[in-house]
Amino acid sequence: ATHPAGFSALAPLNPLATPANLKQLAFADLQELTALRVWMDQMVIDWAATLHDDNLNQQLSYHTMAGDAASKPFFSLLVHFFNHQTHHRGQVTTLLSQAGQDVGDTDLLALMD
């Protein structure tokens, strides 16, 4: 999908391969994943700083992983983008806890100053 604003801050993502399915491993090891994640997190921070209110109400058309065409307001896709990360972090926290790892306090209020 391409937003009408273009968002040149996201251009470095263009060469990255799109996974064929959700079971495809994208990285050979944790070190490779970590390096790309650090790079991508900074890119998202830089990109978010360029967003304007008029970008949020644009309709964005895209295809789901199942190949279905979809169209949603950009703000709702942003909410999903950030909220879904929380879902996956919760899954990882559960798996680590089940494996006997102490993940520390995970309550958001305890993490905020």
PDB file of N, CA and C in Angstrom:
ATOM      1  N   ALA A   1       0.842  -1.177   0.000  1.00  0.00           N
ATOM      2  CA  ALA A   1       0.000   0.000   0.000  1.00  0.00           C
ATOM      3  C   ALA A   1       0.886   1.238   0.000  1.00  0.00           C
ATOM      4  N   THR A   2       0.414   2.263  -0.620  1.00  0.00           N
ATOM      5  CA  THR A   2       1.142   3.525  -0.645  1.00  0.00           C
ATOM      6  C   THR A   2       0.210   4.641  -0.200  1.00  0.00           C
ATOM      7  N   HIS A   3       0.620   5.362   0.824  1.00  0.00           N
ATOM      8  CA  HIS A   3      -0.149   6.496   1.324  1.00  0.00           C
ATOM      9  C   HIS A   3       0.046   7.663   0.365  1.00  0.00           C
ATOM     10  N   PRO A   4      -0.984   8.475   0.132  1.00  0.00           N
ATOM     11  CA  PRO A   4      -0.839   9.625  -0.765  1.00  0.00           C
ATOM     12  C   PRO A   4       0.295  10.576  -0.368  1.00  0.00           C
ATOM     13  N   ALA A   5       0.659  10.622   0.918  1.00  0.00           N
ATOM     14  CA  ALA A   5       1.738  11.509   1.366  1.00  0.00           C
ATOM     15  C   ALA A   5       3.123  10.979   0.994  1.00  0.00           C
ATOM     16  N   GLY A   6       3.202   9.713   0.622  1.00  0.00           N
ATOM     17  CA  GLY A   6       4.472   9.142   0.206  1.00  0.00           C
ATOM     18  C   GLY A   6       5.381   8.705   1.332  1.00  0.00           C
ATOM     19  N   PHE A   7       5.521   9.517   2.370  1.00  0.00           N
ATOM     20  CA  PHE A   7       6.349   9.211   3.529  1.00  0.00           C
ATOM     21  C   PHE A   7       7.753   8.739   3.146  1.00  0.00           C
ATOM     22  N   SER A   8       8.552   9.649   2.646  1.00  0.00           N
ATOM     23  CA  SER A   8       9.911   9.316   2.216  1.00  0.00           C
ATOM     24  C   SER A   8      10.754   8.744   3.353  1.00  0.00           C
ATOM     25  N   ALA A   9      10.391   9.027   4.603  1.00  0.00           N
ATOM     26  CA  ALA A   9      11.133   8.474   5.741  1.00  0.00           C
ATOM     27  C   ALA A   9      11.070   6.950   5.769  1.00  0.00           C
ATOM     28  N   LEU A  10      10.055   6.379   5.101  1.00  0.00           N
ATOM     29  CA  LEU A  10       9.902   4.919   5.080  1.00  0.00           C
ATOM     30  C   LEU A  10      10.517   4.270   3.842  1.00  0.00           C
ATOM     31  N   ALA A  11      11.091   5.053   2.959  1.00  0.00           N
ATOM     32  CA  ALA A  11      11.664   4.519   1.717  1.00  0.00           C
ATOM     33  C   ALA A  11      12.685   3.405   1.944  1.00  0.00           C
ATOM     34  N   PRO A  12      13.509   3.441   3.004  1.00  0.00           N
ATOM     35  CA  PRO A  12      14.457   2.343   3.211  1.00  0.00           C
ATOM     36  C   PRO A  12      13.801   0.976   3.417  1.00  0.00           C
ATOM     37  N   LEU A  13      12.497   0.948   3.697  1.00  0.00           N
ATOM     38  CA  LEU A  13      11.795  -0.332   3.852  1.00  0.00           C
ATOM     39  C   LEU A  13      11.506  -1.004   2.509  1.00  0.00           C
ATOM     40  N   ASN A  14      11.485  -0.230   1.435  1.00  0.00           N
ATOM     41  CA  ASN A  14      11.092  -0.763   0.127  1.00  0.00           C
ATOM     42  C   ASN A  14      11.868  -1.998  -0.312  1.00  0.00           C
ATOM     43  N   PRO A  15      13.192  -2.067  -0.106  1.00  0.00           N
ATOM     44  CA  PRO A  15      13.919  -3.258  -0.566  1.00  0.00           C
ATOM     45  C   PRO A  15      13.678  -4.515   0.272  1.00  0.00           C
ATOM     46  N   LEU A  16      13.079  -4.368   1.462  1.00  0.00           N
ATOM     47  CA  LEU A  16      12.857  -5.540   2.309  1.00  0.00           C
ATOM     48  C   LEU A  16      11.821  -6.462   1.672  1.00  0.00           C
ATOM     49  N   ALA A  17      12.095  -7.739   1.726  1.00  0.00           N
ATOM     50  CA  ALA A  17      11.184  -8.730   1.150  1.00  0.00           C
ATOM     51  C   ALA A  17       9.913  -8.834   1.989  1.00  0.00           C
ATOM     52  N   THR A  18       8.794  -8.975   1.320  1.00  0.00           N
ATOM     53  CA  THR A  18       7.523  -9.212   1.996  1.00  0.00           C
ATOM     54  C   THR A  18       7.398 -10.707   2.235  1.00  0.00           C
ATOM     55  N   PRO A  19       7.114 -11.131   3.469  1.00  0.00           N
ATOM     56  CA  PRO A  19       6.991 -12.569   3.726  1.00  0.00           C
ATOM     57  C   PRO A  19       5.857 -13.183   2.912  1.00  0.00           C
ATOM     58  N   ALA A  20       6.071 -14.404   2.456  1.00  0.00           N
ATOM     59  CA  ALA A  20       5.052 -15.106   1.674  1.00  0.00           C
ATOM     60  C   ALA A  20       3.882 -15.539   2.557  1.00  0.00           C
ATOM     61  N   ASN A  21       4.164 -15.803   3.835  1.00  0.00           N
ATOM     62  CA  ASN A  21       3.120 -16.204   4.776  1.00  0.00           C
ATOM     63  C   ASN A  21       3.590 -15.887   6.192  1.00  0.00           C
ATOM     64  N   LEU A  22       2.712 -16.058   7.151  1.00  0.00           N
ATOM     65  CA  LEU A  22       3.024 -15.687   8.531  1.00  0.00           C
ATOM     66  C   LEU A  22       3.904 -16.700   9.248  1.00  0.00           C
ATOM     67  N   LYS A  23       4.158 -17.840   8.640  1.00  0.00           N
ATOM     68  CA  LYS A  23       5.015 -18.854   9.250  1.00  0.00           C
ATOM     69  C   LYS A  23       6.457 -18.770   8.748  1.00  0.00           C
ATOM     70  N   GLN A  24       6.702 -17.926   7.776  1.00  0.00           N
ATOM     71  CA  GLN A  24       8.038 -17.787   7.194  1.00  0.00           C
ATOM     72  C   GLN A  24       8.976 -17.087   8.177  1.00  0.00           C
ATOM     73  N   LEU A  25      10.125 -17.693   8.422  1.00  0.00           N
ATOM     74  CA  LEU A  25      11.126 -17.070   9.282  1.00  0.00           C
ATOM     75  C   LEU A  25      11.850 -15.998   8.484  1.00  0.00           C
ATOM     76  N   ALA A  26      11.892 -14.805   9.028  1.00  0.00           N
ATOM     77  CA  ALA A  26      12.480 -13.678   8.312  1.00  0.00           C
ATOM     78  C   ALA A  26      13.954 -13.476   8.652  1.00  0.00           C
ATOM     79  N   PHE A  27      14.433 -14.110   9.715  1.00  0.00           N
ATOM     80  CA  PHE A  27      15.799 -13.874  10.176  1.00  0.00           C
ATOM     81  C   PHE A  27      16.481 -15.188  10.514  1.00  0.00           C
ATOM     82  N   ALA A  28      17.778 -15.226  10.276  1.00  0.00           N
ATOM     83  CA  ALA A  28      18.548 -16.439  10.533  1.00  0.00           C
ATOM     84  C   ALA A  28      18.768 -16.659  12.027  1.00  0.00           C
ATOM     85  N   ASP A  29      18.870 -15.565  12.792  1.00  0.00           N
ATOM     86  CA  ASP A  29      19.149 -15.695  14.220  1.00  0.00           C
ATOM     87  C   ASP A  29      18.688 -14.442  14.967  1.00  0.00           C
ATOM     88  N   LEU A  30      18.779 -14.505  16.280  1.00  0.00           N
ATOM     89  CA  LEU A  30      18.321 -13.401  17.125  1.00  0.00           C
ATOM     90  C   LEU A  30      19.154 -12.138  16.907  1.00  0.00           C
ATOM     91  N   GLN A  31      20.438 -12.289  16.647  1.00  0.00           N
ATOM     92  CA  GLN A  31      21.304 -11.127  16.415  1.00  0.00           C
ATOM     93  C   GLN A  31      20.852 -10.353  15.174  1.00  0.00           C
ATOM     94  N   GLU A  32      20.522 -11.067  14.108  1.00  0.00           N
ATOM     95  CA  GLU A  32      20.046 -10.419  12.878  1.00  0.00           C
ATOM     96  C   GLU A  32      18.708  -9.719  13.125  1.00  0.00           C
ATOM     97  N   LEU A  33      17.810 -10.392  13.826  1.00  0.00           N
ATOM     98  CA  LEU A  33      16.511  -9.794  14.166  1.00  0.00           C
ATOM     99  C   LEU A  33      16.701  -8.533  15.006  1.00  0.00           C
ATOM    100  N   THR A  34      17.552  -8.609  16.020  1.00  0.00           N
ATOM    101  CA  THR A  34      17.780  -7.468  16.906  1.00  0.00           C
ATOM    102  C   THR A  34      18.314  -6.264  16.142  1.00  0.00           C
ATOM    103  N   ALA A  35      19.291  -6.487  15.273  1.00  0.00           N
ATOM    104  CA  ALA A  35      19.882  -5.381  14.510  1.00  0.00           C
ATOM    105  C   ALA A  35      18.838  -4.696  13.636  1.00  0.00           C
ATOM    106  N   LEU A  36      18.017  -5.486  12.944  1.00  0.00           N
ATOM    107  CA  LEU A  36      17.006  -4.892  12.081  1.00  0.00           C
ATOM    108  C   LEU A  36      15.919  -4.214  12.903  1.00  0.00           C
ATOM    109  N   ARG A  37      15.582  -4.794  14.035  1.00  0.00           N
ATOM    110  CA  ARG A  37      14.537  -4.214  14.882  1.00  0.00           C
ATOM    111  C   ARG A  37      14.963  -2.852  15.426  1.00  0.00           C
ATOM    112  N   VAL A  38      16.216  -2.728  15.864  1.00  0.00           N
ATOM    113  CA  VAL A  38      16.726  -1.447  16.362  1.00  0.00           C
ATOM    114  C   VAL A  38      16.660  -0.403  15.249  1.00  0.00           C
ATOM    115  N   TRP A  39      17.096  -0.785  14.049  1.00  0.00           N
ATOM    116  CA  TRP A  39      17.064   0.107  12.886  1.00  0.00           C
ATOM    117  C   TRP A  39      15.624   0.514  12.565  1.00  0.00           C
ATOM    118  N   MET A  40      14.726  -0.471  12.565  1.00  0.00           N
ATOM    119  CA  MET A  40      13.337  -0.201  12.207  1.00  0.00           C
ATOM    120  C   MET A  40      12.627   0.638  13.275  1.00  0.00           C
ATOM    121  N   ASP A  41      12.911   0.391  14.542  1.00  0.00           N
ATOM    122  CA  ASP A  41      12.308   1.194  15.611  1.00  0.00           C
ATOM    123  C   ASP A  41      12.670   2.667  15.447  1.00  0.00           C
ATOM    124  N   GLN A  42      13.930   2.955  15.132  1.00  0.00           N
ATOM    125  CA  GLN A  42      14.343   4.345  14.942  1.00  0.00           C
ATOM    126  C   GLN A  42      13.652   4.949  13.723  1.00  0.00           C
ATOM    127  N   MET A  43      13.491   4.141  12.678  1.00  0.00           N
ATOM    128  CA  MET A  43      12.810   4.626  11.483  1.00  0.00           C
ATOM    129  C   MET A  43      11.355   4.982  11.803  1.00  0.00           C
ATOM    130  N   VAL A  44      10.691   4.168  12.595  1.00  0.00           N
ATOM    131  CA  VAL A  44       9.300   4.444  12.973  1.00  0.00           C
ATOM    132  C   VAL A  44       9.222   5.728  13.800  1.00  0.00           C
ATOM    133  N   ILE A  45      10.162   5.922  14.720  1.00  0.00           N
ATOM    134  CA  ILE A  45      10.186   7.153  15.523  1.00  0.00           C
ATOM    135  C   ILE A  45      10.364   8.367  14.619  1.00  0.00           C
ATOM    136  N   ASP A  46      11.320   8.283  13.695  1.00  0.00           N
ATOM    137  CA  ASP A  46      11.571   9.398  12.772  1.00  0.00           C
ATOM    138  C   ASP A  46      10.358   9.665  11.886  1.00  0.00           C
ATOM    139  N   TRP A  47       9.735   8.596  11.395  1.00  0.00           N
ATOM    140  CA  TRP A  47       8.562   8.723  10.529  1.00  0.00           C
ATOM    141  C   TRP A  47       7.383   9.331  11.289  1.00  0.00           C
ATOM    142  N   ALA A  48       7.148   8.861  12.518  1.00  0.00           N
ATOM    143  CA  ALA A  48       6.017   9.365  13.304  1.00  0.00           C
ATOM    144  C   ALA A  48       6.135  10.871  13.533  1.00  0.00           C
ATOM    145  N   ALA A  49       7.363  11.355  13.632  1.00  0.00           N
ATOM    146  CA  ALA A  49       7.578  12.790  13.832  1.00  0.00           C
ATOM    147  C   ALA A  49       7.175  13.607  12.606  1.00  0.00           C
ATOM    148  N   THR A  50       7.039  12.959  11.447  1.00  0.00           N
ATOM    149  CA  THR A  50       6.662  13.676  10.220  1.00  0.00           C
ATOM    150  C   THR A  50       5.163  13.651   9.954  1.00  0.00           C
ATOM    151  N   LEU A  51       4.401  12.880  10.733  1.00  0.00           N
ATOM    152  CA  LEU A  51       2.959  12.766  10.504  1.00  0.00           C
ATOM    153  C   LEU A  51       2.240  14.069  10.831  1.00  0.00           C
ATOM    154  N   HIS A  52       1.219  14.357  10.051  1.00  0.00           N
ATOM    155  CA  HIS A  52       0.359  15.516  10.271  1.00  0.00           C
ATOM    156  C   HIS A  52      -1.079  15.028  10.352  1.00  0.00           C
ATOM    157  N   ASP A  53      -1.931  15.813  10.989  1.00  0.00           N
ATOM    158  CA  ASP A  53      -3.336  15.434  11.142  1.00  0.00           C
ATOM    159  C   ASP A  53      -3.988  15.069   9.811  1.00  0.00           C
ATOM    160  N   ASP A  54      -3.665  15.810   8.748  1.00  0.00           N
ATOM    161  CA  ASP A  54      -4.319  15.536   7.465  1.00  0.00           C
ATOM    162  C   ASP A  54      -3.888  14.195   6.873  1.00  0.00           C
ATOM    163  N   ASN A  55      -2.789  13.605   7.348  1.00  0.00           N
ATOM    164  CA  ASN A  55      -2.377  12.274   6.892  1.00  0.00           C
ATOM    165  C   ASN A  55      -3.271  11.179   7.461  1.00  0.00           C
ATOM    166  N   LEU A  56      -3.854  11.428   8.620  1.00  0.00           N
ATOM    167  CA  LEU A  56      -4.524  10.370   9.372  1.00  0.00           C
ATOM    168  C   LEU A  56      -5.866   9.954   8.796  1.00  0.00           C
ATOM    169  N   ASN A  57      -6.584  10.841   8.158  1.00  0.00           N
ATOM    170  CA  ASN A  57      -7.914  10.509   7.650  1.00  0.00           C
ATOM    171  C   ASN A  57      -7.915   9.975   6.227  1.00  0.00           C
ATOM    172  N   GLN A  58      -6.762   9.885   5.617  1.00  0.00           N
ATOM    173  CA  GLN A  58      -6.675   9.329   4.262  1.00  0.00           C
ATOM    174  C   GLN A  58      -7.083   7.856   4.280  1.00  0.00           C
ATOM    175  N   GLN A  59      -7.771   7.440   3.249  1.00  0.00           N
ATOM    176  CA  GLN A  59      -8.128   6.040   3.082  1.00  0.00           C
ATOM    177  C   GLN A  59      -6.905   5.330   2.499  1.00  0.00           C
ATOM    178  N   LEU A  60      -6.532   4.181   3.037  1.00  0.00           N
ATOM    179  CA  LEU A  60      -5.393   3.427   2.520  1.00  0.00           C
ATOM    180  C   LEU A  60      -5.889   2.070   2.042  1.00  0.00           C
ATOM    181  N   SER A  61      -5.635   1.769   0.787  1.00  0.00           N
ATOM    182  CA  SER A  61      -6.030   0.483   0.205  1.00  0.00           C
ATOM    183  C   SER A  61      -4.828  -0.446   0.204  1.00  0.00           C
ATOM    184  N   TYR A  62      -5.073  -1.703   0.512  1.00  0.00           N
ATOM    185  CA  TYR A  62      -3.993  -2.679   0.639  1.00  0.00           C
ATOM    186  C   TYR A  62      -4.563  -4.078   0.428  1.00  0.00           C
ATOM    187  N   HIS A  63      -3.700  -5.082   0.463  1.00  0.00           N
ATOM    188  CA  HIS A  63      -4.121  -6.477   0.392  1.00  0.00           C
ATOM    189  C   HIS A  63      -3.696  -7.189   1.673  1.00  0.00           C
ATOM    190  N   THR A  64      -4.574  -8.008   2.206  1.00  0.00           N
ATOM    191  CA  THR A  64      -4.256  -8.785   3.396  1.00  0.00           C
ATOM    192  C   THR A  64      -3.299  -9.909   3.020  1.00  0.00           C
ATOM    193  N   MET A  65      -2.763 -10.603   4.026  1.00  0.00           N
ATOM    194  CA  MET A  65      -1.877 -11.744   3.761  1.00  0.00           C
ATOM    195  C   MET A  65      -2.617 -12.836   2.986  1.00  0.00           C
ATOM    196  N   ALA A  66      -3.939 -12.877   3.110  1.00  0.00           N
ATOM    197  CA  ALA A  66      -4.744 -13.856   2.370  1.00  0.00           C
ATOM    198  C   ALA A  66      -5.008 -13.409   0.938  1.00  0.00           C
ATOM    199  N   GLY A  67      -4.566 -12.188   0.594  1.00  0.00           N
ATOM    200  CA  GLY A  67      -4.747 -11.684  -0.763  1.00  0.00           C
ATOM    201  C   GLY A  67      -6.017 -10.890  -0.980  1.00  0.00           C
ATOM    202  N   ASP A  68      -6.797 -10.699   0.077  1.00  0.00           N
ATOM    203  CA  ASP A  68      -8.051  -9.956  -0.041  1.00  0.00           C
ATOM    204  C   ASP A  68      -7.782  -8.450  -0.068  1.00  0.00           C
ATOM    205  N   ALA A  69      -8.494  -7.751  -0.947  1.00  0.00           N
ATOM    206  CA  ALA A  69      -8.386  -6.291  -1.012  1.00  0.00           C
ATOM    207  C   ALA A  69      -9.105  -5.689   0.191  1.00  0.00           C
ATOM    208  N   ALA A  70      -8.512  -4.636   0.746  1.00  0.00           N
ATOM    209  CA  ALA A  70      -9.110  -3.960   1.897  1.00  0.00           C
ATOM    210  C   ALA A  70      -8.798  -2.470   1.808  1.00  0.00           C
ATOM    211  N   SER A  71      -9.589  -1.681   2.493  1.00  0.00           N
ATOM    212  CA  SER A  71      -9.370  -0.241   2.538  1.00  0.00           C
ATOM    213  C   SER A  71      -9.858   0.268   3.887  1.00  0.00           C
ATOM    214  N   LYS A  72      -9.006   1.008   4.570  1.00  0.00           N
ATOM    215  CA  LYS A  72      -9.349   1.521   5.900  1.00  0.00           C
ATOM    216  C   LYS A  72      -8.756   2.919   6.061  1.00  0.00           C
ATOM    217  N   PRO A  73      -9.321   3.714   6.985  1.00  0.00           N
ATOM    218  CA  PRO A  73      -8.704   5.004   7.294  1.00  0.00           C
ATOM    219  C   PRO A  73      -7.310   4.764   7.897  1.00  0.00           C
ATOM    220  N   PHE A  74      -6.367   5.588   7.500  1.00  0.00           N
ATOM    221  CA  PHE A  74      -4.987   5.403   7.925  1.00  0.00           C
ATOM    222  C   PHE A  74      -4.846   5.409   9.441  1.00  0.00           C
ATOM    223  N   PHE A  75      -5.614   6.267  10.145  1.00  0.00           N
ATOM    224  CA  PHE A  75      -5.485   6.311  11.601  1.00  0.00           C
ATOM    225  C   PHE A  75      -5.820   4.965  12.226  1.00  0.00           C
ATOM    226  N   SER A  76      -6.802   4.241  11.672  1.00  0.00           N
ATOM    227  CA  SER A  76      -7.159   2.947  12.252  1.00  0.00           C
ATOM    228  C   SER A  76      -6.060   1.914  12.004  1.00  0.00           C
ATOM    229  N   LEU A  77      -5.370   2.026  10.882  1.00  0.00           N
ATOM    230  CA  LEU A  77      -4.243   1.132  10.614  1.00  0.00           C
ATOM    231  C   LEU A  77      -3.071   1.432  11.551  1.00  0.00           C
ATOM    232  N   LEU A  78      -2.880   2.703  11.881  1.00  0.00           N
ATOM    233  CA  LEU A  78      -1.826   3.065  12.841  1.00  0.00           C
ATOM    234  C   LEU A  78      -2.137   2.513  14.229  1.00  0.00           C
ATOM    235  N   VAL A  79      -3.387   2.637  14.651  1.00  0.00           N
ATOM    236  CA  VAL A  79      -3.784   2.083  15.947  1.00  0.00           C
ATOM    237  C   VAL A  79      -3.501   0.586  15.964  1.00  0.00           C
ATOM    238  N   HIS A  80      -3.865  -0.106  14.900  1.00  0.00           N
ATOM    239  CA  HIS A  80      -3.618  -1.541  14.817  1.00  0.00           C
ATOM    240  C   HIS A  80      -2.117  -1.840  14.848  1.00  0.00           C
ATOM    241  N   PHE A  81      -1.332  -1.078  14.100  1.00  0.00           N
ATOM    242  CA  PHE A  81       0.115  -1.279  14.029  1.00  0.00           C
ATOM    243  C   PHE A  81       0.742  -1.263  15.427  1.00  0.00           C
ATOM    244  N   PHE A  82       0.410  -0.260  16.220  1.00  0.00           N
ATOM    245  CA  PHE A  82       1.006  -0.157  17.550  1.00  0.00           C
ATOM    246  C   PHE A  82       0.360  -1.110  18.548  1.00  0.00           C
ATOM    247  N   ASN A  83      -0.952  -1.291  18.493  1.00  0.00           N
ATOM    248  CA  ASN A  83      -1.633  -2.179  19.424  1.00  0.00           C
ATOM    249  C   ASN A  83      -1.244  -3.638  19.192  1.00  0.00           C
ATOM    250  N   HIS A  84      -1.077  -4.048  17.949  1.00  0.00           N
ATOM    251  CA  HIS A  84      -0.764  -5.450  17.654  1.00  0.00           C
ATOM    252  C   HIS A  84       0.617  -5.832  18.186  1.00  0.00           C
ATOM    253  N   GLN A  85       1.528  -4.866  18.237  1.00  0.00           N
ATOM    254  CA  GLN A  85       2.840  -5.134  18.833  1.00  0.00           C
ATOM    255  C   GLN A  85       2.683  -5.500  20.307  1.00  0.00           C
ATOM    256  N   THR A  86       1.756  -4.838  20.986  1.00  0.00           N
ATOM    257  CA  THR A  86       1.496  -5.136  22.390  1.00  0.00           C
ATOM    258  C   THR A  86       0.998  -6.568  22.533  1.00  0.00           C
ATOM    259  N   HIS A  87       0.138  -6.993  21.639  1.00  0.00           N
ATOM    260  CA  HIS A  87      -0.370  -8.365  21.638  1.00  0.00           C
ATOM    261  C   HIS A  87       0.787  -9.360  21.548  1.00  0.00           C
ATOM    262  N   HIS A  88       1.700  -9.137  20.606  1.00  0.00           N
ATOM    263  CA  HIS A  88       2.819 -10.073  20.434  1.00  0.00           C
ATOM    264  C   HIS A  88       3.792 -10.018  21.609  1.00  0.00           C
ATOM    265  N   ARG A  89       3.987  -8.855  22.181  1.00  0.00           N
ATOM    266  CA  ARG A  89       4.850  -8.768  23.368  1.00  0.00           C
ATOM    267  C   ARG A  89       4.246  -9.568  24.521  1.00  0.00           C
ATOM    268  N   GLY A  90       2.931  -9.541  24.641  1.00  0.00           N
ATOM    269  CA  GLY A  90       2.269 -10.347  25.660  1.00  0.00           C
ATOM    270  C   GLY A  90       2.460 -11.833  25.419  1.00  0.00           C
ATOM    271  N   GLN A  91       2.414 -12.245  24.152  1.00  0.00           N
ATOM    272  CA  GLN A  91       2.652 -13.651  23.833  1.00  0.00           C
ATOM    273  C   GLN A  91       4.069 -14.066  24.225  1.00  0.00           C
ATOM    274  N   VAL A  92       5.044 -13.228  23.897  1.00  0.00           N
ATOM    275  CA  VAL A  92       6.439 -13.534  24.233  1.00  0.00           C
ATOM    276  C   VAL A  92       6.622 -13.580  25.745  1.00  0.00           C
ATOM    277  N   THR A  93       6.007 -12.643  26.453  1.00  0.00           N
ATOM    278  CA  THR A  93       6.093 -12.625  27.913  1.00  0.00           C
ATOM    279  C   THR A  93       5.536 -13.919  28.494  1.00  0.00           C
ATOM    280  N   THR A  94       4.416 -14.384  27.976  1.00  0.00           N
ATOM    281  CA  THR A  94       3.818 -15.636  28.446  1.00  0.00           C
ATOM    282  C   THR A  94       4.750 -16.812  28.197  1.00  0.00           C
ATOM    283  N   LEU A  95       5.311 -16.897  26.995  1.00  0.00           N
ATOM    284  CA  LEU A  95       6.215 -18.005  26.671  1.00  0.00           C
ATOM    285  C   LEU A  95       7.463 -17.984  27.551  1.00  0.00           C
ATOM    286  N   LEU A  96       8.021 -16.802  27.783  1.00  0.00           N
ATOM    287  CA  LEU A  96       9.200 -16.706  28.650  1.00  0.00           C
ATOM    288  C   LEU A  96       8.859 -17.109  30.080  1.00  0.00           C
ATOM    289  N   SER A  97       7.711 -16.666  30.578  1.00  0.00           N
ATOM    290  CA  SER A  97       7.278 -17.038  31.929  1.00  0.00           C
ATOM    291  C   SER A  97       7.079 -18.543  32.039  1.00  0.00           C
ATOM    292  N   GLN A  98       6.465 -19.151  31.031  1.00  0.00           N
ATOM    293  CA  GLN A  98       6.252 -20.594  31.031  1.00  0.00           C
ATOM    294  C   GLN A  98       7.569 -21.358  30.987  1.00  0.00           C
ATOM    295  N   ALA A  99       8.600 -20.735  30.425  1.00  0.00           N
ATOM    296  CA  ALA A  99       9.920 -21.360  30.350  1.00  0.00           C
ATOM    297  C   ALA A  99      10.741 -21.092  31.613  1.00  0.00           C
ATOM    298  N   GLY A 100      10.124 -20.430  32.612  1.00  0.00           N
ATOM    299  CA  GLY A 100      10.793 -20.203  33.875  1.00  0.00           C
ATOM    300  C   GLY A 100      11.595 -18.921  33.966  1.00  0.00           C
ATOM    301  N   GLN A 101      11.467 -18.046  32.991  1.00  0.00           N
ATOM    302  CA  GLN A 101      12.200 -16.778  33.003  1.00  0.00           C
ATOM    303  C   GLN A 101      11.416 -15.721  33.777  1.00  0.00           C
ATOM    304  N   ASP A 102      12.123 -14.940  34.576  1.00  0.00           N
ATOM    305  CA  ASP A 102      11.502 -13.823  35.285  1.00  0.00           C
ATOM    306  C   ASP A 102      11.489 -12.628  34.343  1.00  0.00           C
ATOM    307  N   VAL A 103      10.315 -12.222  33.915  1.00  0.00           N
ATOM    308  CA  VAL A 103      10.204 -11.102  32.974  1.00  0.00           C
ATOM    309  C   VAL A 103      10.034  -9.769  33.695  1.00  0.00           C
ATOM    310  N   GLY A 104      10.020  -9.786  35.007  1.00  0.00           N
ATOM    311  CA  GLY A 104       9.885  -8.552  35.766  1.00  0.00           C
ATOM    312  C   GLY A 104       8.465  -8.024  35.728  1.00  0.00           C
ATOM    313  N   ASP A 105       8.312  -6.798  36.170  1.00  0.00           N
ATOM    314  CA  ASP A 105       7.001  -6.158  36.204  1.00  0.00           C
ATOM    315  C   ASP A 105       6.602  -5.751  34.789  1.00  0.00           C
ATOM    316  N   THR A 106       5.438  -6.154  34.363  1.00  0.00           N
ATOM    317  CA  THR A 106       4.978  -5.830  33.008  1.00  0.00           C
ATOM    318  C   THR A 106       3.816  -4.842  32.993  1.00  0.00           C
ATOM    319  N   ASP A 107       3.377  -4.397  34.166  1.00  0.00           N
ATOM    320  CA  ASP A 107       2.288  -3.421  34.204  1.00  0.00           C
ATOM    321  C   ASP A 107       2.783  -2.079  33.688  1.00  0.00           C
ATOM    322  N   LEU A 108       2.078  -1.526  32.733  1.00  0.00           N
ATOM    323  CA  LEU A 108       2.479  -0.270  32.114  1.00  0.00           C
ATOM    324  C   LEU A 108       2.676   0.835  33.144  1.00  0.00           C
ATOM    325  N   LEU A 109       1.774   0.937  34.099  1.00  0.00           N
ATOM    326  CA  LEU A 109       1.884   1.996  35.106  1.00  0.00           C
ATOM    327  C   LEU A 109       3.161   1.864  35.933  1.00  0.00           C
ATOM    328  N   ALA A 110       3.613   0.645  36.167  1.00  0.00           N
ATOM    329  CA  ALA A 110       4.849   0.436  36.927  1.00  0.00           C
ATOM    330  C   ALA A 110       6.076   0.830  36.112  1.00  0.00           C
ATOM    331  N   LEU A 111       5.946   0.834  34.795  1.00  0.00           N
ATOM    332  CA  LEU A 111       7.072   1.155  33.918  1.00  0.00           C
ATOM    333  C   LEU A 111       7.176   2.637  33.610  1.00  0.00           C
ATOM    334  N   MET A 112       6.124   3.394  33.939  1.00  0.00           N
ATOM    335  CA  MET A 112       6.094   4.826  33.624  1.00  0.00           C
ATOM    336  C   MET A 112       6.576   5.646  34.812  1.00  0.00           C
ATOM    337  N   ASP A 113       7.329   6.677  34.514  1.00  0.00           N
ATOM    338  CA  ASP A 113       7.785   7.603  35.568  1.00  0.00           C
ATOM    339  C   ASP A 113       6.800   8.725  35.744  1.00  0.00           C
TER     340      ASP A 113
END
